[in-house]
N, C-alpha and C. Protein backbone atom coordinates (compact mmCIF):
# COMPACT_ATOMS: atom_id res chain seq x y z
N UNK A 1 0.79 -1.16 -0.03
CA UNK A 1 -0.07 0.06 0.00
C UNK A 1 0.85 1.27 -0.12
N UNK A 2 0.69 1.95 -1.01
CA UNK A 2 1.52 3.25 -1.24
C UNK A 2 0.78 4.45 -0.81
N UNK A 3 1.40 5.61 -0.81
CA UNK A 3 0.68 6.74 -0.40
C UNK A 3 -0.22 7.18 -1.46
N UNK A 4 -1.34 7.82 -1.02
CA UNK A 4 -2.28 8.32 -1.94
C UNK A 4 -1.92 9.62 -2.37
N UNK A 5 -1.96 9.92 -3.69
CA UNK A 5 -1.69 11.20 -4.18
C UNK A 5 -2.72 12.29 -3.81
N UNK A 6 -2.24 13.22 -3.15
CA UNK A 6 -3.19 14.37 -2.83
C UNK A 6 -3.30 15.31 -3.90
N UNK A 7 -4.37 15.77 -4.32
CA UNK A 7 -4.58 16.70 -5.26
C UNK A 7 -4.13 18.10 -4.67
N UNK A 8 -3.44 18.93 -5.51
CA UNK A 8 -3.08 20.18 -5.14
C UNK A 8 -4.24 21.10 -5.06
N UNK A 9 -4.45 21.81 -3.92
CA UNK A 9 -5.39 22.71 -3.66
C UNK A 9 -5.14 24.05 -4.47
N UNK A 10 -6.15 24.37 -5.13
CA UNK A 10 -6.03 25.64 -5.81
C UNK A 10 -6.66 26.75 -5.02
N UNK A 11 -5.63 27.80 -4.56
CA UNK A 11 -5.89 28.87 -3.77
C UNK A 11 -6.89 29.91 -4.62
N UNK A 12 -7.87 30.21 -3.96
CA UNK A 12 -8.73 31.23 -4.66
C UNK A 12 -8.38 32.61 -4.25
N UNK A 13 -8.52 33.54 -5.05
CA UNK A 13 -8.15 34.92 -4.79
C UNK A 13 -9.33 35.53 -3.90
N UNK A 14 -8.96 36.53 -2.93
CA UNK A 14 -10.03 37.16 -2.32
C UNK A 14 -10.53 38.27 -3.21
N UNK A 15 -11.85 38.18 -3.21
CA UNK A 15 -12.55 39.40 -4.01
C UNK A 15 -13.33 40.19 -2.99
N UNK A 16 -12.77 41.39 -2.84
CA UNK A 16 -13.38 42.27 -1.88
C UNK A 16 -14.51 43.10 -2.23
N UNK A 17 -15.44 43.33 -1.30
CA UNK A 17 -16.61 44.20 -1.64
C UNK A 17 -16.14 45.69 -1.92
N UNK A 18 -16.86 46.29 -2.95
CA UNK A 18 -16.62 47.63 -3.12
C UNK A 18 -17.52 48.50 -2.12
N UNK A 19 -17.28 49.78 -2.19
CA UNK A 19 -17.97 50.76 -1.37
C UNK A 19 -19.48 50.56 -1.60
N UNK A 20 -19.87 50.55 -2.87
CA UNK A 20 -21.36 50.49 -3.17
C UNK A 20 -21.99 49.12 -2.71
N UNK A 21 -21.17 47.97 -2.74
CA UNK A 21 -21.57 46.79 -2.28
C UNK A 21 -21.69 46.76 -0.65
N UNK A 22 -20.90 47.36 -0.05
CA UNK A 22 -20.95 47.45 1.36
C UNK A 22 -22.14 48.22 1.75
N UNK A 23 -22.36 49.38 1.19
CA UNK A 23 -23.52 50.25 1.35
C UNK A 23 -24.80 49.43 1.21
N UNK A 24 -24.92 48.66 0.08
CA UNK A 24 -26.11 47.83 -0.13
C UNK A 24 -26.34 46.83 0.92
N UNK A 25 -25.35 46.15 1.57
CA UNK A 25 -25.36 45.12 2.42
C UNK A 25 -25.89 45.74 3.72
N UNK A 26 -25.44 46.87 4.15
CA UNK A 26 -25.82 47.68 5.16
C UNK A 26 -27.24 48.12 5.12
N UNK A 27 -27.72 48.54 3.96
CA UNK A 27 -29.04 49.04 3.63
C UNK A 27 -29.97 47.80 3.96
N UNK A 28 -29.71 46.67 3.67
CA UNK A 28 -30.49 45.45 3.91
C UNK A 28 -30.62 45.35 5.36
N UNK A 29 -29.59 45.37 6.22
CA UNK A 29 -29.63 45.18 7.55
C UNK A 29 -30.45 46.27 8.16
N UNK A 30 -30.35 47.55 7.83
CA UNK A 30 -31.06 48.76 8.41
C UNK A 30 -32.50 48.45 8.10
N UNK A 31 -33.03 47.97 6.88
CA UNK A 31 -34.23 47.76 6.65
C UNK A 31 -34.99 46.66 7.51
N UNK A 32 -34.16 45.66 7.77
CA UNK A 32 -34.69 44.53 8.63
C UNK A 32 -34.78 44.95 10.11
N UNK A 33 -33.90 45.98 10.59
CA UNK A 33 -34.05 46.65 11.85
C UNK A 33 -35.16 47.48 11.87
N UNK A 34 -35.54 48.08 10.96
CA UNK A 34 -36.74 48.92 10.89
C UNK A 34 -38.12 48.13 10.87
N UNK A 35 -37.90 46.96 10.18
CA UNK A 35 -39.06 46.00 10.24
C UNK A 35 -39.39 45.44 11.56
N UNK A 36 -38.37 45.17 12.45
CA UNK A 36 -38.57 44.81 13.63
C UNK A 36 -38.73 45.97 14.69
N UNK A 37 -38.90 47.24 14.18
CA UNK A 37 -39.18 48.38 15.01
C UNK A 37 -37.96 48.67 15.99
N UNK A 38 -36.73 48.34 15.60
CA UNK A 38 -35.69 48.74 16.47
C UNK A 38 -34.93 49.92 16.01
N UNK A 39 -35.37 51.10 16.69
CA UNK A 39 -34.79 52.24 16.38
C UNK A 39 -33.44 52.51 17.12
N UNK A 40 -32.78 53.54 16.77
CA UNK A 40 -31.52 53.96 17.51
C UNK A 40 -31.84 54.55 18.77
N UNK A 41 -32.91 54.52 19.31
CA UNK A 41 -33.15 55.16 20.78
C UNK A 41 -32.50 54.08 21.79
N UNK A 42 -32.24 52.87 21.35
CA UNK A 42 -31.59 52.04 22.17
C UNK A 42 -30.04 52.16 22.01
N UNK A 43 -29.32 52.07 23.05
CA UNK A 43 -27.82 52.25 23.05
C UNK A 43 -27.17 51.23 22.22
N UNK A 44 -27.62 49.88 22.42
CA UNK A 44 -26.89 48.89 21.71
C UNK A 44 -27.20 48.96 20.17
N UNK A 45 -28.37 49.46 19.75
CA UNK A 45 -28.55 49.72 18.29
C UNK A 45 -27.66 50.88 17.79
N UNK A 46 -27.52 51.89 18.67
CA UNK A 46 -26.55 52.99 18.25
C UNK A 46 -25.17 52.42 18.04
N UNK A 47 -24.75 51.66 18.89
CA UNK A 47 -23.37 51.13 18.65
C UNK A 47 -23.14 50.28 17.56
N UNK A 48 -24.41 49.39 17.17
CA UNK A 48 -24.40 48.73 15.86
C UNK A 48 -24.27 49.59 14.78
N UNK A 49 -25.07 50.78 14.67
CA UNK A 49 -24.92 51.71 13.65
C UNK A 49 -23.62 52.23 13.50
N UNK A 50 -22.93 52.66 14.58
CA UNK A 50 -21.54 53.09 14.54
C UNK A 50 -20.71 51.92 13.90
N UNK A 51 -20.75 50.75 14.31
CA UNK A 51 -19.92 49.72 13.69
C UNK A 51 -20.16 49.51 12.13
N UNK A 52 -21.52 49.71 11.87
CA UNK A 52 -21.94 49.51 10.34
C UNK A 52 -21.22 50.63 9.49
N UNK A 53 -21.35 51.88 10.07
CA UNK A 53 -20.95 53.01 9.24
C UNK A 53 -19.41 53.02 9.30
N UNK A 54 -18.65 52.57 10.33
CA UNK A 54 -17.29 52.53 10.15
C UNK A 54 -16.83 51.42 9.13
N UNK A 55 -17.70 50.25 9.10
CA UNK A 55 -17.48 49.23 8.21
C UNK A 55 -17.49 49.79 6.80
N UNK A 56 -18.53 50.65 6.45
CA UNK A 56 -18.72 51.16 5.11
C UNK A 56 -17.45 52.11 4.81
N UNK A 57 -17.05 52.97 5.69
CA UNK A 57 -16.05 53.85 5.34
C UNK A 57 -14.59 53.10 5.31
N UNK A 58 -14.27 52.24 6.25
CA UNK A 58 -13.03 51.64 6.36
C UNK A 58 -12.85 50.34 5.45
N UNK A 59 -13.95 49.51 5.49
CA UNK A 59 -13.94 48.36 4.76
C UNK A 59 -13.18 47.22 5.33
N UNK A 60 -13.15 47.05 6.74
CA UNK A 60 -12.44 45.97 7.45
C UNK A 60 -13.59 44.93 7.86
N UNK A 61 -13.06 43.77 7.86
CA UNK A 61 -13.95 42.70 8.35
C UNK A 61 -14.29 42.98 9.89
N UNK A 62 -15.50 42.92 10.28
CA UNK A 62 -15.81 43.30 11.62
C UNK A 62 -16.81 42.22 12.21
N UNK A 63 -16.48 41.78 13.45
CA UNK A 63 -17.28 40.82 14.26
C UNK A 63 -18.06 41.72 15.16
N UNK A 64 -19.40 41.32 15.15
CA UNK A 64 -20.31 41.99 16.11
C UNK A 64 -20.71 41.21 17.28
N UNK A 65 -20.58 41.79 18.42
CA UNK A 65 -21.04 40.95 19.68
C UNK A 65 -21.38 42.11 20.81
N UNK A 66 -22.82 42.38 20.58
CA UNK A 66 -23.19 43.57 21.45
C UNK A 66 -24.37 43.01 22.41
N UNK A 67 -24.12 43.07 23.64
CA UNK A 67 -25.29 42.71 24.62
C UNK A 67 -26.32 43.71 24.46
N UNK A 68 -27.61 43.29 24.54
CA UNK A 68 -28.71 43.97 24.40
C UNK A 68 -29.70 43.70 25.64
N UNK A 69 -29.42 44.03 26.94
CA UNK A 69 -30.22 43.56 28.03
C UNK A 69 -31.58 44.05 28.05
N UNK A 70 -31.95 45.14 27.45
CA UNK A 70 -33.33 45.65 27.48
C UNK A 70 -34.25 44.72 26.91
N UNK A 71 -33.85 43.97 25.92
CA UNK A 71 -34.69 42.99 25.22
C UNK A 71 -34.33 41.53 25.55
N UNK A 72 -33.35 41.36 26.43
CA UNK A 72 -32.80 39.86 26.79
C UNK A 72 -32.39 39.23 25.48
N UNK A 73 -31.54 40.08 24.68
CA UNK A 73 -30.94 39.60 23.44
C UNK A 73 -29.50 40.04 23.32
N UNK A 74 -28.79 39.37 22.55
CA UNK A 74 -27.36 39.81 22.09
C UNK A 74 -27.44 39.85 20.54
N UNK A 75 -26.76 40.98 20.17
CA UNK A 75 -26.68 41.29 18.63
C UNK A 75 -25.19 40.58 18.21
N UNK A 76 -25.43 39.61 17.46
CA UNK A 76 -24.23 38.95 16.94
C UNK A 76 -24.16 39.14 15.41
N UNK A 77 -23.02 38.97 14.90
CA UNK A 77 -22.90 38.89 13.38
C UNK A 77 -21.41 39.21 12.84
N UNK A 78 -21.41 39.27 11.50
CA UNK A 78 -20.14 39.49 10.88
C UNK A 78 -20.35 40.44 9.73
N UNK A 79 -19.48 41.45 9.61
CA UNK A 79 -19.52 42.33 8.46
C UNK A 79 -18.31 42.04 7.65
N UNK A 80 -18.57 41.15 6.56
CA UNK A 80 -17.38 40.58 5.93
C UNK A 80 -17.03 41.42 4.74
N UNK A 81 -15.64 41.36 4.35
CA UNK A 81 -15.23 42.15 3.34
C UNK A 81 -15.08 41.25 2.06
N UNK A 82 -14.98 39.99 2.09
CA UNK A 82 -14.75 39.01 1.12
C UNK A 82 -16.25 38.76 0.65
N UNK A 83 -16.49 38.66 -0.76
CA UNK A 83 -17.72 38.43 -1.39
C UNK A 83 -18.17 37.18 -1.06
N UNK A 84 -17.34 36.19 -0.86
CA UNK A 84 -17.69 34.71 -0.81
C UNK A 84 -18.25 34.53 0.73
N UNK A 85 -18.08 35.46 1.63
CA UNK A 85 -18.56 35.28 2.88
C UNK A 85 -19.82 36.23 3.10
N UNK A 86 -20.76 35.71 3.71
CA UNK A 86 -22.02 36.52 3.96
C UNK A 86 -21.99 37.64 5.03
N UNK A 87 -22.63 38.74 4.79
CA UNK A 87 -22.79 39.71 5.80
C UNK A 87 -24.18 39.37 6.45
N UNK A 88 -23.97 39.13 7.78
CA UNK A 88 -25.23 38.84 8.66
C UNK A 88 -25.15 39.46 9.96
N UNK A 89 -26.31 39.73 10.49
CA UNK A 89 -26.58 40.18 11.83
C UNK A 89 -27.84 39.46 12.35
N UNK A 90 -27.53 38.95 13.65
CA UNK A 90 -28.78 38.21 14.14
C UNK A 90 -29.12 38.76 15.71
N UNK A 91 -30.18 38.62 16.17
CA UNK A 91 -30.49 38.83 17.48
C UNK A 91 -30.69 37.57 18.23
N UNK A 92 -29.92 37.14 19.07
CA UNK A 92 -29.83 35.80 19.78
C UNK A 92 -30.39 36.00 21.09
N UNK A 93 -31.30 35.17 21.55
CA UNK A 93 -31.87 35.18 22.96
C UNK A 93 -30.70 34.98 23.86
N UNK A 94 -30.77 35.74 24.98
CA UNK A 94 -29.87 35.57 26.12
C UNK A 94 -30.42 36.06 27.25
N UNK A 95 -30.44 35.30 28.35
CA UNK A 95 -31.09 35.70 29.68
C UNK A 95 -30.05 36.63 30.43
N UNK A 96 -30.50 37.79 31.01
CA UNK A 96 -29.64 38.67 31.82
C UNK A 96 -30.05 38.64 33.13
């Protein structure tokens, strides 16, 4: 029994989001926040907005982990720069 030949992995190039693509992704998140009637009167939502707007300007991958004790939730998500990775934010139940 000899060694199995491993196929060479082809490395894919990173394709980064443009400024317009980042704006569109954030626009989707803001619309869903409005749908759930979460305004920026809450401090955790304000900090989420700050993170989203800095993501648009700078364009760095950002992990979101913000406690939201007023609603017994935590805001989690990722603001990704690579097109292959999804930009997502969720409200996760957490008892405080």
